Amino acid sequence: MKIELLLNREAREVESDPWRRLLDVVREDLHLTGTKEGCGEGECGACTVLIDGAPVNSCLVAVGQAHGHAVTTIEGLAPSPELLHDVQRALIEHGGTQCGICTPGIALCAAAAVEREPAASRERYRELLAGNLCRCTGYQLIVDAVADAAARRRPGAGA
Protein backbone atom coordinates (compact mmCIF):
# COMPACT_ATOMS: atom_id res chain seq x y z
CA MET A 1 0.00 0.00 0.00
CA LYS A 2 1.20 3.52 -0.72
CA ILE A 3 1.42 5.47 2.54
CA GLU A 4 1.39 9.24 2.19
CA LEU A 5 2.43 11.45 5.05
CA LEU A 6 3.91 14.81 5.83
CA LEU A 7 7.23 13.75 7.31
CA ASN A 8 9.21 16.52 8.97
CA ARG A 9 7.31 19.15 6.97
CA GLU A 10 7.97 17.33 3.66
CA ALA A 11 5.38 15.35 1.67
CA ARG A 12 6.58 11.75 1.47
CA GLU A 13 5.28 8.49 0.07
CA VAL A 14 6.40 5.03 1.05
CA GLU A 15 5.26 1.65 -0.19
CA SER A 16 4.63 -0.59 2.80
CA ASP A 17 2.39 -3.13 4.41
CA PRO A 18 0.06 -0.85 6.40
CA TRP A 19 0.46 -3.07 9.48
CA ARG A 20 4.22 -2.58 9.78
CA ARG A 21 5.30 -0.55 12.77
CA LEU A 22 5.80 3.13 12.06
CA LEU A 23 9.13 2.80 13.89
CA ASP A 24 10.42 0.27 11.36
CA VAL A 25 9.26 2.26 8.33
CA VAL A 26 10.86 5.46 9.67
CA ARG A 27 14.18 3.76 10.45
CA GLU A 28 14.46 1.16 7.68
CA ASP A 29 12.57 2.60 4.71
CA LEU A 30 12.94 6.34 5.30
CA HIS A 31 16.45 6.05 6.83
CA LEU A 32 15.73 8.37 9.76
CA THR A 33 17.60 6.59 12.53
CA GLY A 34 17.23 9.24 15.22
CA THR A 35 14.08 7.46 16.38
CA LYS A 36 15.31 4.68 18.66
CA GLU A 37 13.84 1.33 19.62
CA GLY A 38 14.10 0.69 23.32
CA CYS A 39 11.64 -1.86 24.62
CA GLY A 40 9.47 -2.41 21.54
CA GLU A 41 6.42 -2.56 23.84
CA GLY A 42 5.47 1.10 24.31
CA GLU A 43 6.89 1.31 27.82
CA CYS A 44 10.09 3.36 27.45
CA GLY A 45 9.31 6.24 25.06
CA ALA A 46 12.60 5.95 23.12
CA CYS A 47 10.66 5.60 19.87
CA THR A 48 8.45 8.64 20.42
CA VAL A 49 7.48 10.64 17.35
CA LEU A 50 4.83 13.32 16.97
CA ILE A 51 1.73 12.64 14.91
CA ASP A 52 -0.12 15.88 14.24
CA GLY A 53 1.82 17.35 17.16
CA ALA A 54 0.92 14.65 19.70
CA PRO A 55 3.57 12.29 21.07
CA VAL A 56 3.08 8.60 20.26
CA ASN A 57 5.17 5.47 20.67
CA SER A 58 6.00 4.59 17.08
CA CYS A 59 6.56 0.96 18.07
CA LEU A 60 2.82 0.71 18.79
CA VAL A 61 1.54 2.54 15.71
CA ALA A 62 0.93 0.81 12.40
CA VAL A 63 2.28 2.92 9.55
CA GLY A 64 -1.17 2.79 7.95
CA GLN A 65 -2.46 4.83 10.89
CA ALA A 66 -0.06 7.61 9.95
CA HIS A 67 -1.37 7.80 6.37
CA GLY A 68 -2.47 11.38 5.67
CA HIS A 69 -0.99 12.75 8.89
CA ALA A 70 1.97 14.93 9.84
CA VAL A 71 4.77 12.92 11.45
CA THR A 72 7.70 14.61 13.14
CA THR A 73 10.84 12.71 14.09
CA ILE A 74 13.82 14.11 15.95
CA GLU A 75 15.37 14.97 12.58
CA GLY A 76 12.50 17.37 11.92
CA LEU A 77 12.07 18.94 15.35
CA ALA A 78 14.39 21.89 14.75
CA PRO A 79 12.89 24.75 12.75
CA SER A 80 15.83 24.62 10.30
CA PRO A 81 19.18 22.87 9.91
CA GLU A 82 20.88 25.95 11.35
CA LEU A 83 18.69 26.31 14.46
CA LEU A 84 17.92 23.90 17.27
CA HIS A 85 14.47 23.72 18.83
CA ASP A 86 14.34 25.44 22.24
CA VAL A 87 14.03 22.03 23.93
CA GLN A 88 17.09 20.64 22.14
CA ARG A 89 19.14 23.70 23.04
CA ALA A 90 18.01 23.57 26.68
CA LEU A 91 18.78 19.85 26.98
CA ILE A 92 22.33 20.55 25.83
CA GLU A 93 22.77 23.60 28.06
CA HIS A 94 21.42 21.85 31.18
CA GLY A 95 23.25 18.57 30.61
CA GLY A 96 19.95 16.74 30.25
CA THR A 97 21.41 14.04 28.01
CA GLN A 98 23.92 11.30 28.52
CA CYS A 99 23.93 8.10 26.45
CA GLY A 100 21.41 9.45 23.93
CA ILE A 101 19.07 6.47 23.56
CA CYS A 102 16.14 8.22 25.26
CA THR A 103 17.03 11.74 24.12
CA PRO A 104 15.09 11.87 20.81
CA GLY A 105 11.89 10.62 22.46
CA ILE A 106 12.29 12.94 25.43
CA ALA A 107 13.00 15.92 23.18
CA LEU A 108 9.88 15.28 21.08
CA CYS A 109 7.67 14.66 24.10
CA ALA A 110 9.06 17.76 25.81
CA ALA A 111 8.55 19.88 22.69
CA ALA A 112 4.90 18.81 22.57
CA ALA A 113 4.50 19.54 26.29
CA VAL A 114 6.05 23.00 25.98
CA GLU A 115 3.88 23.76 22.96
CA ARG A 116 0.66 22.67 24.69
CA GLU A 117 1.42 23.94 28.19
CA PRO A 118 4.15 26.61 28.16
CA ALA A 119 3.19 27.85 31.63
CA ALA A 120 3.00 24.43 33.30
CA SER A 121 4.66 23.72 36.61
CA ARG A 122 7.77 21.60 36.91
CA GLU A 123 5.61 18.87 38.45
CA ARG A 124 3.30 18.98 35.43
CA TYR A 125 6.26 18.65 33.07
CA ARG A 126 7.34 15.59 35.06
CA GLU A 127 3.86 14.13 34.50
CA LEU A 128 3.93 14.93 30.77
CA LEU A 129 7.32 13.20 30.42
CA ALA A 130 6.35 10.18 32.54
CA GLY A 131 6.23 7.83 29.54
CA ASN A 132 9.91 8.41 28.77
CA LEU A 133 12.39 6.32 30.70
CA CYS A 134 15.99 7.45 31.14
CA ARG A 135 18.50 5.18 32.81
CA CYS A 136 21.29 7.78 32.99
CA THR A 137 20.25 11.27 34.06
CA GLY A 138 17.94 10.99 37.05
CA TYR A 139 15.45 13.33 35.31
CA GLN A 140 16.23 16.51 37.27
CA LEU A 141 18.36 18.00 34.51
CA ILE A 142 15.74 17.01 31.92
CA VAL A 143 12.99 18.78 33.87
CA ASP A 144 15.27 21.80 34.33
CA ALA A 145 15.77 21.89 30.56
CA VAL A 146 12.06 21.58 29.77
CA ALA A 147 11.16 24.33 32.24
CA ASP A 148 13.84 26.57 30.71
CA ALA A 149 12.65 25.84 27.16
CA ALA A 150 9.10 26.66 28.19
CA ALA A 151 10.22 29.94 29.76
CA ARG A 152 11.98 30.87 26.51
CA ARG A 153 8.73 30.40 24.58
CA ARG A 154 6.62 32.63 26.81
CA PRO A 155 5.71 36.06 25.45
CA GLY A 156 8.38 38.62 26.22
CA ALA A 157 11.06 36.00 26.88
CA GLY A 158 13.19 36.99 23.89
CA ALA A 159 15.21 34.63 21.70
C-alpha atoms as a PDB file:
ATOM      1  CA  MET A   1       0.000   0.000   0.000  1.00  0.00           C
ATOM      2  CA  LYS A   2       1.199   3.519  -0.720  1.00  0.00           C
ATOM      3  CA  ILE A   3       1.420   5.470   2.536  1.00  0.00           C
ATOM      4  CA  GLU A   4       1.392   9.244   2.188  1.00  0.00           C
ATOM      5  CA  LEU A   5       2.426  11.453   5.050  1.00  0.00           C
ATOM      6  CA  LEU A   6       3.906  14.811   5.832  1.00  0.00           C
ATOM      7  CA  LEU A   7       7.228  13.754   7.306  1.00  0.00           C
ATOM      8  CA  ASN A   8       9.211  16.515   8.974  1.00  0.00           C
ATOM      9  CA  ARG A   9       7.315  19.146   6.966  1.00  0.00           C
ATOM     10  CA  GLU A  10       7.967  17.334   3.660  1.00  0.00           C
ATOM     11  CA  ALA A  11       5.376  15.354   1.672  1.00  0.00           C
ATOM     12  CA  ARG A  12       6.577  11.751   1.473  1.00  0.00           C
ATOM     13  CA  GLU A  13       5.282   8.488   0.071  1.00  0.00           C
ATOM     14  CA  VAL A  14       6.403   5.030   1.053  1.00  0.00           C
ATOM     15  CA  GLU A  15       5.258   1.649  -0.185  1.00  0.00           C
ATOM     16  CA  SER A  16       4.626  -0.590   2.805  1.00  0.00           C
ATOM     17  CA  ASP A  17       2.395  -3.132   4.408  1.00  0.00           C
ATOM     18  CA  PRO A  18       0.063  -0.846   6.403  1.00  0.00           C
ATOM     19  CA  TRP A  19       0.457  -3.073   9.475  1.00  0.00           C
ATOM     20  CA  ARG A  20       4.215  -2.580   9.779  1.00  0.00           C
ATOM     21  CA  ARG A  21       5.296  -0.551  12.766  1.00  0.00           C
ATOM     22  CA  LEU A  22       5.801   3.129  12.061  1.00  0.00           C
ATOM     23  CA  LEU A  23       9.131   2.804  13.892  1.00  0.00           C
ATOM     24  CA  ASP A  24      10.421   0.269  11.358  1.00  0.00           C
ATOM     25  CA  VAL A  25       9.263   2.257   8.334  1.00  0.00           C
ATOM     26  CA  VAL A  26      10.855   5.456   9.667  1.00  0.00           C
ATOM     27  CA  ARG A  27      14.177   3.758  10.452  1.00  0.00           C
ATOM     28  CA  GLU A  28      14.457   1.164   7.684  1.00  0.00           C
ATOM     29  CA  ASP A  29      12.569   2.599   4.714  1.00  0.00           C
ATOM     30  CA  LEU A  30      12.944   6.335   5.297  1.00  0.00           C
ATOM     31  CA  HIS A  31      16.446   6.050   6.834  1.00  0.00           C
ATOM     32  CA  LEU A  32      15.734   8.372   9.762  1.00  0.00           C
ATOM     33  CA  THR A  33      17.596   6.587  12.529  1.00  0.00           C
ATOM     34  CA  GLY A  34      17.232   9.240  15.224  1.00  0.00           C
ATOM     35  CA  THR A  35      14.084   7.464  16.378  1.00  0.00           C
ATOM     36  CA  LYS A  36      15.313   4.679  18.660  1.00  0.00           C
ATOM     37  CA  GLU A  37      13.845   1.331  19.616  1.00  0.00           C
ATOM     38  CA  GLY A  38      14.100   0.689  23.315  1.00  0.00           C
ATOM     39  CA  CYS A  39      11.638  -1.856  24.623  1.00  0.00           C
ATOM     40  CA  GLY A  40       9.466  -2.411  21.536  1.00  0.00           C
ATOM     41  CA  GLU A  41       6.424  -2.556  23.836  1.00  0.00           C
ATOM     42  CA  GLY A  42       5.471   1.095  24.308  1.00  0.00           C
ATOM     43  CA  GLU A  43       6.892   1.307  27.822  1.00  0.00           C
ATOM     44  CA  CYS A  44      10.088   3.362  27.447  1.00  0.00           C
ATOM     45  CA  GLY A  45       9.315   6.239  25.058  1.00  0.00           C
ATOM     46  CA  ALA A  46      12.598   5.952  23.122  1.00  0.00           C
ATOM     47  CA  CYS A  47      10.660   5.602  19.866  1.00  0.00           C
ATOM     48  CA  THR A  48       8.450   8.641  20.419  1.00  0.00           C
ATOM     49  CA  VAL A  49       7.477  10.643  17.352  1.00  0.00           C
ATOM     50  CA  LEU A  50       4.831  13.321  16.969  1.00  0.00           C
ATOM     51  CA  ILE A  51       1.731  12.638  14.906  1.00  0.00           C
ATOM     52  CA  ASP A  52      -0.121  15.879  14.244  1.00  0.00           C
ATOM     53  CA  GLY A  53       1.823  17.350  17.159  1.00  0.00           C
ATOM     54  CA  ALA A  54       0.924  14.647  19.696  1.00  0.00           C
ATOM     55  CA  PRO A  55       3.571  12.288  21.075  1.00  0.00           C
ATOM     56  CA  VAL A  56       3.081   8.598  20.263  1.00  0.00           C
ATOM     57  CA  ASN A  57       5.169   5.470  20.669  1.00  0.00           C
ATOM     58  CA  SER A  58       6.001   4.591  17.085  1.00  0.00           C
ATOM     59  CA  CYS A  59       6.562   0.957  18.071  1.00  0.00           C
ATOM     60  CA  LEU A  60       2.816   0.706  18.791  1.00  0.00           C
ATOM     61  CA  VAL A  61       1.541   2.539  15.709  1.00  0.00           C
ATOM     62  CA  ALA A  62       0.932   0.807  12.403  1.00  0.00           C
ATOM     63  CA  VAL A  63       2.280   2.916   9.548  1.00  0.00           C
ATOM     64  CA  GLY A  64      -1.174   2.794   7.951  1.00  0.00           C
ATOM     65  CA  GLN A  65      -2.461   4.826  10.891  1.00  0.00           C
ATOM     66  CA  ALA A  66      -0.057   7.611   9.945  1.00  0.00           C
ATOM     67  CA  HIS A  67      -1.373   7.803   6.371  1.00  0.00           C
ATOM     68  CA  GLY A  68      -2.465  11.380   5.665  1.00  0.00           C
ATOM     69  CA  HIS A  69      -0.987  12.754   8.895  1.00  0.00           C
ATOM     70  CA  ALA A  70       1.973  14.935   9.836  1.00  0.00           C
ATOM     71  CA  VAL A  71       4.766  12.921  11.452  1.00  0.00           C
ATOM     72  CA  THR A  72       7.703  14.612  13.135  1.00  0.00           C
ATOM     73  CA  THR A  73      10.840  12.710  14.086  1.00  0.00           C
ATOM     74  CA  ILE A  74      13.817  14.110  15.953  1.00  0.00           C
ATOM     75  CA  GLU A  75      15.370  14.965  12.580  1.00  0.00           C
ATOM     76  CA  GLY A  76      12.496  17.367  11.917  1.00  0.00           C
ATOM     77  CA  LEU A  77      12.068  18.938  15.352  1.00  0.00           C
ATOM     78  CA  ALA A  78      14.387  21.887  14.754  1.00  0.00           C
ATOM     79  CA  PRO A  79      12.893  24.751  12.749  1.00  0.00           C
ATOM     80  CA  SER A  80      15.834  24.623  10.302  1.00  0.00           C
ATOM     81  CA  PRO A  81      19.183  22.870   9.914  1.00  0.00           C
ATOM     82  CA  GLU A  82      20.883  25.955  11.353  1.00  0.00           C
ATOM     83  CA  LEU A  83      18.690  26.308  14.465  1.00  0.00           C
ATOM     84  CA  LEU A  84      17.923  23.901  17.274  1.00  0.00           C
ATOM     85  CA  HIS A  85      14.473  23.721  18.829  1.00  0.00           C
ATOM     86  CA  ASP A  86      14.344  25.442  22.236  1.00  0.00           C
ATOM     87  CA  VAL A  87      14.034  22.034  23.925  1.00  0.00           C
ATOM     88  CA  GLN A  88      17.087  20.644  22.140  1.00  0.00           C
ATOM     89  CA  ARG A  89      19.142  23.700  23.043  1.00  0.00           C
ATOM     90  CA  ALA A  90      18.012  23.572  26.684  1.00  0.00           C
ATOM     91  CA  LEU A  91      18.784  19.845  26.978  1.00  0.00           C
ATOM     92  CA  ILE A  92      22.329  20.548  25.829  1.00  0.00           C
ATOM     93  CA  GLU A  93      22.769  23.601  28.059  1.00  0.00           C
ATOM     94  CA  HIS A  94      21.416  21.847  31.175  1.00  0.00           C
ATOM     95  CA  GLY A  95      23.254  18.566  30.609  1.00  0.00           C
ATOM     96  CA  GLY A  96      19.947  16.739  30.245  1.00  0.00           C
ATOM     97  CA  THR A  97      21.405  14.041  28.008  1.00  0.00           C
ATOM     98  CA  GLN A  98      23.923  11.300  28.515  1.00  0.00           C
ATOM     99  CA  CYS A  99      23.932   8.102  26.455  1.00  0.00           C
ATOM    100  CA  GLY A 100      21.409   9.449  23.932  1.00  0.00           C
ATOM    101  CA  ILE A 101      19.070   6.473  23.557  1.00  0.00           C
ATOM    102  CA  CYS A 102      16.140   8.217  25.260  1.00  0.00           C
ATOM    103  CA  THR A 103      17.034  11.745  24.117  1.00  0.00           C
ATOM    104  CA  PRO A 104      15.093  11.871  20.814  1.00  0.00           C
ATOM    105  CA  GLY A 105      11.895  10.624  22.460  1.00  0.00           C
ATOM    106  CA  ILE A 106      12.287  12.938  25.435  1.00  0.00           C
ATOM    107  CA  ALA A 107      12.998  15.922  23.177  1.00  0.00           C
ATOM    108  CA  LEU A 108       9.884  15.276  21.080  1.00  0.00           C
ATOM    109  CA  CYS A 109       7.671  14.657  24.100  1.00  0.00           C
ATOM    110  CA  ALA A 110       9.057  17.760  25.813  1.00  0.00           C
ATOM    111  CA  ALA A 111       8.547  19.882  22.695  1.00  0.00           C
ATOM    112  CA  ALA A 112       4.898  18.811  22.570  1.00  0.00           C
ATOM    113  CA  ALA A 113       4.500  19.542  26.290  1.00  0.00           C
ATOM    114  CA  VAL A 114       6.048  23.000  25.984  1.00  0.00           C
ATOM    115  CA  GLU A 115       3.881  23.760  22.956  1.00  0.00           C
ATOM    116  CA  ARG A 116       0.662  22.668  24.694  1.00  0.00           C
ATOM    117  CA  GLU A 117       1.422  23.937  28.186  1.00  0.00           C
ATOM    118  CA  PRO A 118       4.146  26.608  28.164  1.00  0.00           C
ATOM    119  CA  ALA A 119       3.189  27.853  31.626  1.00  0.00           C
ATOM    120  CA  ALA A 120       2.996  24.427  33.296  1.00  0.00           C
ATOM    121  CA  SER A 121       4.658  23.720  36.607  1.00  0.00           C
ATOM    122  CA  ARG A 122       7.771  21.596  36.911  1.00  0.00           C
ATOM    123  CA  GLU A 123       5.608  18.871  38.446  1.00  0.00           C
ATOM    124  CA  ARG A 124       3.296  18.982  35.431  1.00  0.00           C
ATOM    125  CA  TYR A 125       6.258  18.651  33.065  1.00  0.00           C
ATOM    126  CA  ARG A 126       7.339  15.592  35.058  1.00  0.00           C
ATOM    127  CA  GLU A 127       3.856  14.133  34.501  1.00  0.00           C
ATOM    128  CA  LEU A 128       3.928  14.928  30.774  1.00  0.00           C
ATOM    129  CA  LEU A 129       7.320  13.204  30.423  1.00  0.00           C
ATOM    130  CA  ALA A 130       6.353  10.183  32.536  1.00  0.00           C
ATOM    131  CA  GLY A 131       6.227   7.833  29.535  1.00  0.00           C
ATOM    132  CA  ASN A 132       9.907   8.409  28.775  1.00  0.00           C
ATOM    133  CA  LEU A 133      12.395   6.320  30.697  1.00  0.00           C
ATOM    134  CA  CYS A 134      15.989   7.449  31.137  1.00  0.00           C
ATOM    135  CA  ARG A 135      18.505   5.179  32.808  1.00  0.00           C
ATOM    136  CA  CYS A 136      21.291   7.779  32.991  1.00  0.00           C
ATOM    137  CA  THR A 137      20.253  11.266  34.060  1.00  0.00           C
ATOM    138  CA  GLY A 138      17.941  10.992  37.054  1.00  0.00           C
ATOM    139  CA  TYR A 139      15.449  13.332  35.306  1.00  0.00           C
ATOM    140  CA  GLN A 140      16.228  16.514  37.271  1.00  0.00           C
ATOM    141  CA  LEU A 141      18.361  18.005  34.505  1.00  0.00           C
ATOM    142  CA  ILE A 142      15.743  17.011  31.921  1.00  0.00           C
ATOM    143  CA  VAL A 143      12.991  18.778  33.868  1.00  0.00           C
ATOM    144  CA  ASP A 144      15.267  21.802  34.327  1.00  0.00           C
ATOM    145  CA  ALA A 145      15.774  21.886  30.561  1.00  0.00           C
ATOM    146  CA  VAL A 146      12.062  21.582  29.773  1.00  0.00           C
ATOM    147  CA  ALA A 147      11.155  24.335  32.244  1.00  0.00           C
ATOM    148  CA  ASP A 148      13.837  26.571  30.710  1.00  0.00           C
ATOM    149  CA  ALA A 149      12.654  25.842  27.158  1.00  0.00           C
ATOM    150  CA  ALA A 150       9.097  26.661  28.187  1.00  0.00           C
ATOM    151  CA  ALA A 151      10.223  29.936  29.758  1.00  0.00           C
ATOM    152  CA  ARG A 152      11.984  30.869  26.505  1.00  0.00           C
ATOM    153  CA  ARG A 153       8.729  30.404  24.585  1.00  0.00           C
ATOM    154  CA  ARG A 154       6.617  32.630  26.807  1.00  0.00           C
ATOM    155  CA  PRO A 155       5.712  36.058  25.454  1.00  0.00           C
ATOM    156  CA  GLY A 156       8.381  38.624  26.222  1.00  0.00           C
ATOM    157  CA  ALA A 157      11.058  35.995  26.879  1.00  0.00           C
ATOM    158  CA  GLY A 158      13.192  36.989  23.887  1.00  0.00           C
ATOM    159  CA  ALA A 159      15.211  34.628  21.703  1.00  0.00           C
END
